[in-house]
Amino acid sequence: MSKPVAVQEQPSPFISFSREEWARHRAATALTLTEDEIVALRGINENLLPQEVADIHLPISRLLSLYVAATRQLHEVTSTFLGNPAPKVPYVIGIAGSVAIGKSTIARVLQTLLSRWPDHPRVDLVTTDGFLFPNAVLEQRGLMRRKGFPESYDVRRLIKFMRDVKSGCGSVTAPVYSHLHYDIVPDAVQTVSSPDILILEGLNVLQRGDRAGDGPRVFVSDYFDFSVYIDADETYIRQFFLERFKRLRETAFRNPASFFHRYSQLSLDEALSIAAEIWAEINSVNLRENIAPTRERASLILRKGADHTVEQVLLRKL
């Protein structure tokens, strides 16, 4: 009788840390955010606490500060070798993940923490929402219910923005998006002027797609020095989305100028039923088809539990 063949597990490209293990890598780094500042930075349905920032975000900021310093030194060595001083270029961090997973909160916290390290005080944050096509264009192309999917973005404009940033252009502009009006703000721009660090946050920033076609293609992620993917079981993310929708119905949606004002006039059960439909038909599909498949491309994965707190950290091996 033959012996069963042992199945060997594929080695992981990541080092896994529990929350407690990751927190130790804070070392002696002081928390430079006050409790009031943390409250101001948190998302609408998140209970971000100082302990979470100390355990998770502070060690990330320490690691990134070391990476920024090492990258800067590498640029100096290359310039010396070439005998030609290179223009200053920012260290670019991409942050990806589902709708309602907490990308914006983590991006804001990291922006604030990183700006308080002495060697890189200027940290800019740009979201890819500004690179969505205007609603008029989406309507014309039949894409309003595909908003947030890769095809709803002006990728050419986004790539040009990233190329200019990484080429050391002194001043680069990005379009601005209004969550109140659910549309691009006409003629409004955000100016990025030679930051030390640029954080780009968005749903699909790690996506590469199919390279088939004429010649090589360039992707947003090609310009990243480091990337973070925020992860959780889809059951939890769906609940995060419903809870956020409920809170928005009680706050921002009550503004008559809000694109979603009509939802504030519905009963809670009616509003949550619509939210569940939006999740099932739009956000869940986008997550499964476009967002989640990019998770393994990240430099760092933050895995959240049911209470929106990070339980596990995965750091890509060098």
Protein backbone atom coordinates (compact mmCIF):
# COMPACT_ATOMS: atom_id res chain seq x y z
CA MET A 1 0.00 0.00 0.00
CA SER A 2 1.51 3.31 -1.04
CA LYS A 3 1.98 6.06 1.50
CA PRO A 4 -0.06 9.27 1.08
CA VAL A 5 1.89 12.06 -0.54
CA ALA A 6 2.32 15.06 1.76
CA VAL A 7 0.98 18.26 0.27
CA GLN A 8 3.46 21.08 0.69
CA GLU A 9 2.03 24.52 1.31
CA GLN A 10 3.25 27.29 -0.95
CA PRO A 11 5.46 29.72 0.96
CA SER A 12 3.79 33.05 1.61
CA PRO A 13 5.37 36.25 0.27
CA PHE A 14 4.19 37.97 3.48
CA ILE A 15 5.30 38.00 7.11
CA SER A 16 2.22 37.75 9.33
CA PHE A 17 1.84 39.70 12.59
CA SER A 18 -0.88 39.65 15.19
CA ARG A 19 -1.95 43.05 16.46
CA GLU A 20 0.18 42.59 19.58
CA GLU A 21 3.25 41.51 17.59
CA TRP A 22 2.94 44.44 15.19
CA ALA A 23 2.48 46.93 18.03
CA ARG A 24 5.92 46.03 19.40
CA HIS A 25 7.52 47.51 16.27
CA ARG A 26 6.41 50.94 17.40
CA ALA A 27 9.60 50.75 19.52
CA ALA A 28 9.99 54.01 21.44
CA THR A 29 8.13 56.13 18.89
CA ALA A 30 5.94 58.69 20.62
CA LEU A 31 2.30 59.13 19.58
CA THR A 32 2.11 62.69 18.24
CA LEU A 33 -1.68 62.77 17.82
CA THR A 34 -4.02 63.92 20.56
CA GLU A 35 -7.32 62.19 21.24
CA ASP A 36 -9.21 65.17 19.77
CA GLU A 37 -7.15 64.97 16.58
CA ILE A 38 -7.87 61.23 16.28
CA VAL A 39 -11.60 61.88 16.68
CA ALA A 40 -11.41 64.49 13.90
CA LEU A 41 -9.61 62.03 11.59
CA ARG A 42 -11.93 59.04 12.01
CA GLY A 43 -14.59 58.05 9.48
CA ILE A 44 -18.30 58.54 10.01
CA ASN A 45 -19.00 55.02 11.25
CA GLU A 46 -15.61 54.13 12.75
CA ASN A 47 -14.62 54.10 16.38
CA LEU A 48 -10.94 54.82 15.89
CA LEU A 49 -9.27 54.91 19.32
CA PRO A 50 -5.81 56.16 20.37
CA GLN A 51 -4.78 52.56 21.16
CA GLU A 52 -5.53 51.49 17.58
CA VAL A 53 -3.41 54.35 16.25
CA ALA A 54 -0.57 53.47 18.64
CA ASP A 55 -0.71 49.73 17.86
CA ILE A 56 -1.22 49.84 14.09
CA HIS A 57 -0.69 53.22 12.46
CA LEU A 58 2.31 54.39 14.45
CA PRO A 59 4.47 51.35 13.57
CA ILE A 60 3.45 51.78 9.91
CA SER A 61 4.56 55.42 10.01
CA ARG A 62 7.88 54.36 11.57
CA LEU A 63 8.44 51.74 8.86
CA LEU A 64 7.54 54.20 6.11
CA SER A 65 9.80 56.86 7.56
CA LEU A 66 12.69 54.40 7.35
CA TYR A 67 11.73 53.45 3.80
CA VAL A 68 11.52 57.09 2.73
CA ALA A 69 14.99 57.78 4.14
CA ALA A 70 16.45 54.71 2.41
CA THR A 71 14.82 55.62 -0.93
CA ARG A 72 16.09 59.18 -0.68
CA GLN A 73 19.60 57.88 -0.07
CA LEU A 74 19.30 55.56 -3.07
CA HIS A 75 18.32 58.52 -5.27
CA GLU A 76 21.36 60.46 -4.02
CA VAL A 77 23.67 57.54 -4.78
CA THR A 78 22.23 57.22 -8.29
CA SER A 79 22.61 60.97 -8.90
CA THR A 80 26.22 60.83 -7.75
CA PHE A 81 26.89 57.89 -10.06
CA LEU A 82 25.34 59.67 -13.04
CA GLY A 83 26.97 62.98 -12.18
CA ASN A 84 23.67 64.69 -12.76
CA PRO A 85 21.51 65.94 -9.85
CA ALA A 86 18.01 64.50 -10.21
CA PRO A 87 14.88 66.53 -9.38
CA LYS A 88 13.22 65.90 -6.05
CA VAL A 89 10.43 63.34 -6.40
CA PRO A 90 7.95 62.35 -3.71
CA TYR A 91 7.74 58.93 -2.13
CA VAL A 92 4.36 57.61 -3.30
CA ILE A 93 2.10 55.43 -1.14
CA GLY A 94 -1.02 53.80 -2.59
CA ILE A 95 -3.95 52.82 -0.36
CA ALA A 96 -6.56 50.42 -1.74
CA GLY A 97 -9.60 48.50 -0.53
CA SER A 98 -13.37 48.24 -0.74
CA VAL A 99 -16.01 50.90 -0.31
CA ALA A 100 -16.63 51.50 3.44
CA ILE A 101 -13.50 49.60 4.56
CA GLY A 102 -11.87 52.73 6.04
CA LYS A 103 -9.35 53.75 3.36
CA SER A 104 -9.88 57.46 3.87
CA THR A 105 -9.42 57.26 7.64
CA ILE A 106 -6.17 55.31 7.39
CA ALA A 107 -4.94 57.68 4.66
CA ARG A 108 -5.68 60.74 6.82
CA VAL A 109 -4.06 59.23 9.92
CA LEU A 110 -0.92 58.22 8.02
CA GLN A 111 -0.74 61.64 6.37
CA THR A 112 -0.83 63.33 9.76
CA LEU A 113 1.61 60.95 11.44
CA LEU A 114 4.10 61.03 8.58
CA SER A 115 4.02 64.83 8.39
CA ARG A 116 5.24 64.97 11.99
CA TRP A 117 8.42 63.03 11.34
CA PRO A 118 11.28 65.55 11.05
CA ASP A 119 12.64 64.49 7.64
CA HIS A 120 9.47 64.71 5.54
CA PRO A 121 7.07 67.33 6.87
CA ARG A 122 5.13 67.86 3.63
CA VAL A 123 2.70 65.00 2.97
CA ASP A 124 -0.10 65.41 0.43
CA LEU A 125 -3.18 63.21 0.09
CA VAL A 126 -5.07 62.77 -3.18
CA THR A 127 -8.07 60.49 -3.76
CA THR A 128 -8.88 58.89 -7.08
CA ASP A 129 -12.51 60.03 -6.73
CA GLY A 130 -11.42 63.22 -8.47
CA PHE A 131 -10.45 61.18 -11.53
CA LEU A 132 -13.92 59.71 -11.99
CA PHE A 133 -15.57 60.85 -15.20
CA PRO A 134 -18.23 63.54 -14.57
CA ASN A 135 -21.76 62.22 -14.15
CA ALA A 136 -22.74 63.62 -17.55
CA VAL A 137 -20.10 61.45 -19.22
CA LEU A 138 -21.06 58.40 -17.15
CA GLU A 139 -24.71 58.91 -18.08
CA GLN A 140 -23.80 59.21 -21.76
CA ARG A 141 -21.81 55.97 -21.60
CA GLY A 142 -24.38 54.10 -19.52
CA LEU A 143 -21.97 53.77 -16.59
CA MET A 144 -23.76 55.47 -13.69
CA ARG A 145 -24.40 52.12 -12.02
CA ARG A 146 -20.77 51.19 -12.68
CA LYS A 147 -19.41 54.22 -10.83
CA GLY A 148 -16.28 53.12 -8.99
CA PHE A 149 -15.56 50.32 -11.47
CA PRO A 150 -12.29 50.71 -13.42
CA GLU A 151 -14.03 51.91 -16.59
CA SER A 152 -15.62 54.85 -14.73
CA TYR A 153 -12.26 56.59 -14.22
CA ASP A 154 -10.34 58.91 -16.52
CA VAL A 155 -7.30 56.66 -16.33
CA ARG A 156 -5.31 58.66 -18.88
CA ARG A 157 -5.60 61.78 -16.76
CA LEU A 158 -4.69 59.85 -13.61
CA ILE A 159 -1.64 58.29 -15.26
CA LYS A 160 -0.51 61.71 -16.51
CA PHE A 161 -0.91 63.11 -12.99
CA MET A 162 1.23 60.31 -11.52
CA ARG A 163 3.82 60.59 -14.29
CA ASP A 164 4.18 64.33 -13.70
CA VAL A 165 4.46 63.83 -9.94
CA LYS A 166 7.15 61.17 -10.33
CA SER A 167 9.00 63.26 -12.93
CA GLY A 168 9.61 65.95 -10.34
CA CYS A 169 7.27 68.56 -11.82
CA GLY A 170 7.06 71.44 -9.38
CA SER A 171 3.29 71.87 -9.45
CA VAL A 172 0.72 69.29 -10.54
CA THR A 173 -3.07 69.55 -10.34
CA ALA A 174 -5.75 66.94 -9.70
CA PRO A 175 -9.51 67.34 -10.20
CA VAL A 176 -11.79 67.57 -7.15
CA TYR A 177 -14.81 65.41 -6.32
CA SER A 178 -17.79 66.39 -4.18
CA HIS A 179 -19.36 63.60 -2.15
CA LEU A 180 -22.23 65.97 -1.36
CA HIS A 181 -23.11 66.43 -5.04
CA TYR A 182 -21.79 62.99 -6.07
CA ASP A 183 -19.95 64.54 -8.99
CA ILE A 184 -16.77 66.26 -10.13
CA VAL A 185 -16.58 69.93 -9.12
CA PRO A 186 -16.29 71.95 -12.36
CA ASP A 187 -13.04 73.94 -12.69
CA ALA A 188 -11.88 73.00 -9.14
CA VAL A 189 -8.40 71.52 -8.73
CA GLN A 190 -6.13 70.33 -5.95
CA THR A 191 -2.54 71.47 -6.42
CA VAL A 192 0.32 69.20 -5.43
CA SER A 193 3.62 71.07 -5.16
CA SER A 194 6.73 68.93 -4.63
CA PRO A 195 5.65 67.07 -1.47
CA ASP A 196 8.04 64.78 0.38
CA ILE A 197 5.37 62.07 0.36
CA LEU A 198 2.22 61.65 -1.73
CA ILE A 199 -0.57 59.32 -0.60
CA LEU A 200 -2.97 58.20 -3.35
CA GLU A 201 -6.13 56.56 -2.01
CA GLY A 202 -8.73 54.74 -4.09
CA LEU A 203 -10.67 51.57 -4.81
CA ASN A 204 -8.71 50.27 -7.77
CA VAL A 205 -5.26 51.80 -7.43
CA LEU A 206 -3.55 48.39 -7.36
CA GLN A 207 -5.33 47.04 -10.41
CA ARG A 208 -3.30 46.15 -13.48
CA GLY A 209 -5.84 44.49 -15.75
CA ASP A 210 -5.03 42.65 -18.95
CA ARG A 211 -1.79 43.59 -20.67
CA ALA A 212 -2.96 42.18 -23.97
CA GLY A 213 -2.92 44.70 -26.77
CA ASP A 214 -0.47 46.84 -28.66
CA GLY A 215 2.70 47.33 -26.69
CA PRO A 216 3.30 47.71 -22.96
CA ARG A 217 0.78 49.49 -20.76
CA VAL A 218 1.43 51.72 -17.76
CA PHE A 219 -0.66 51.37 -14.59
CA VAL A 220 -1.14 53.67 -11.61
CA SER A 221 0.57 51.16 -9.33
CA ASP A 222 3.73 51.34 -11.46
CA TYR A 223 4.41 54.70 -9.76
CA PHE A 224 4.05 53.42 -6.18
CA ASP A 225 6.96 53.03 -3.80
CA PHE A 226 4.74 51.33 -1.20
CA SER A 227 1.14 50.20 -1.07
CA VAL A 228 -1.44 49.27 1.57
CA TYR A 229 -4.52 47.10 1.07
CA ILE A 230 -7.23 47.20 3.74
CA ASP A 231 -9.01 43.87 3.97
CA ALA A 232 -11.88 42.18 5.83
CA ASP A 233 -14.38 39.38 5.26
CA GLU A 234 -17.04 40.55 2.83
CA THR A 235 -19.71 39.92 5.46
CA TYR A 236 -18.05 42.52 7.67
CA ILE A 237 -17.55 45.01 4.83
CA ARG A 238 -21.22 44.75 3.87
CA GLN A 239 -22.15 45.55 7.47
CA PHE A 240 -19.72 48.50 7.50
CA PHE A 241 -21.42 49.79 4.33
CA LEU A 242 -24.94 49.45 5.78
CA GLU A 243 -23.91 51.16 9.02
CA ARG A 244 -22.30 54.02 7.12
CA PHE A 245 -25.37 54.40 4.90
CA LYS A 246 -27.53 54.56 8.02
CA ARG A 247 -25.34 57.28 9.56
CA LEU A 248 -25.24 59.28 6.33
CA ARG A 249 -29.04 59.08 6.10
CA GLU A 250 -29.14 60.72 9.54
CA THR A 251 -26.53 63.39 8.71
CA ALA A 252 -25.20 64.35 5.26
CA PHE A 253 -28.20 63.05 3.32
CA ARG A 254 -30.47 65.49 5.22
CA ASN A 255 -28.80 68.37 3.38
CA PRO A 256 -31.21 69.37 0.57
CA ALA A 257 -28.19 69.88 -1.69
CA SER A 258 -27.11 66.25 -1.27
CA PHE A 259 -27.41 63.98 -4.30
CA PHE A 260 -28.81 61.34 -1.92
CA HIS A 261 -31.24 63.64 -0.08
CA ARG A 262 -34.17 61.48 -1.15
CA TYR A 263 -32.92 58.63 1.02
CA SER A 264 -33.29 60.77 4.15
CA GLN A 265 -37.04 60.94 3.46
CA LEU A 266 -37.44 57.16 3.55
CA SER A 267 -38.07 55.03 6.60
CA LEU A 268 -35.00 53.32 8.06
CA ASP A 269 -36.14 49.92 6.76
CA GLU A 270 -36.70 51.31 3.26
CA ALA A 271 -33.30 53.06 3.23
CA LEU A 272 -31.45 49.97 4.46
CA SER A 273 -33.23 47.83 1.87
CA ILE A 274 -31.95 50.16 -0.87
CA ALA A 275 -28.47 50.14 0.66
CA ALA A 276 -28.45 46.33 0.67
CA GLU A 277 -29.47 46.35 -3.00
CA ILE A 278 -26.68 48.82 -3.88
CA TRP A 279 -24.19 46.61 -2.07
CA ALA A 280 -25.33 43.40 -3.77
CA GLU A 281 -25.62 44.80 -7.31
CA ILE A 282 -22.72 47.26 -7.40
CA ASN A 283 -20.20 47.33 -4.56
CA SER A 284 -20.00 43.59 -3.94
CA VAL A 285 -19.51 42.93 -7.65
CA ASN A 286 -16.75 45.54 -7.89
CA LEU A 287 -15.07 44.13 -4.78
CA ARG A 288 -15.03 40.56 -6.07
CA GLU A 289 -14.17 41.30 -9.69
CA ASN A 290 -11.75 44.22 -9.43
CA ILE A 291 -10.65 45.14 -5.91
CA ALA A 292 -10.06 41.96 -3.90
CA PRO A 293 -7.97 40.31 -6.67
CA THR A 294 -5.37 43.10 -6.23
CA ARG A 295 -4.85 42.40 -2.50
CA GLU A 296 -1.76 40.19 -2.97
CA ARG A 297 0.00 42.98 -4.89
CA ALA A 298 0.17 45.23 -1.83
CA SER A 299 3.29 45.86 0.24
CA LEU A 300 1.20 45.73 3.41
CA ILE A 301 -2.21 44.19 4.14
CA LEU A 302 -4.27 45.32 7.13
CA ARG A 303 -6.99 42.80 7.99
CA LYS A 304 -9.95 44.10 9.99
CA GLY A 305 -12.40 42.28 12.23
CA ALA A 306 -16.14 42.78 12.71
CA ASP A 307 -15.64 45.86 14.91
CA HIS A 308 -13.60 47.77 12.26
CA THR A 309 -10.32 47.31 14.18
CA VAL A 310 -7.19 45.81 12.63
CA GLU A 311 -6.52 42.28 13.89
CA GLN A 312 -3.71 41.14 11.58
CA VAL A 313 -0.90 42.79 9.62
CA LEU A 314 0.83 41.18 6.63
CA LEU A 315 4.10 42.74 5.45
CA ARG A 316 5.54 41.72 2.11
CA LYS A 317 9.00 40.18 2.32
CA LEU A 318 11.77 42.06 0.55
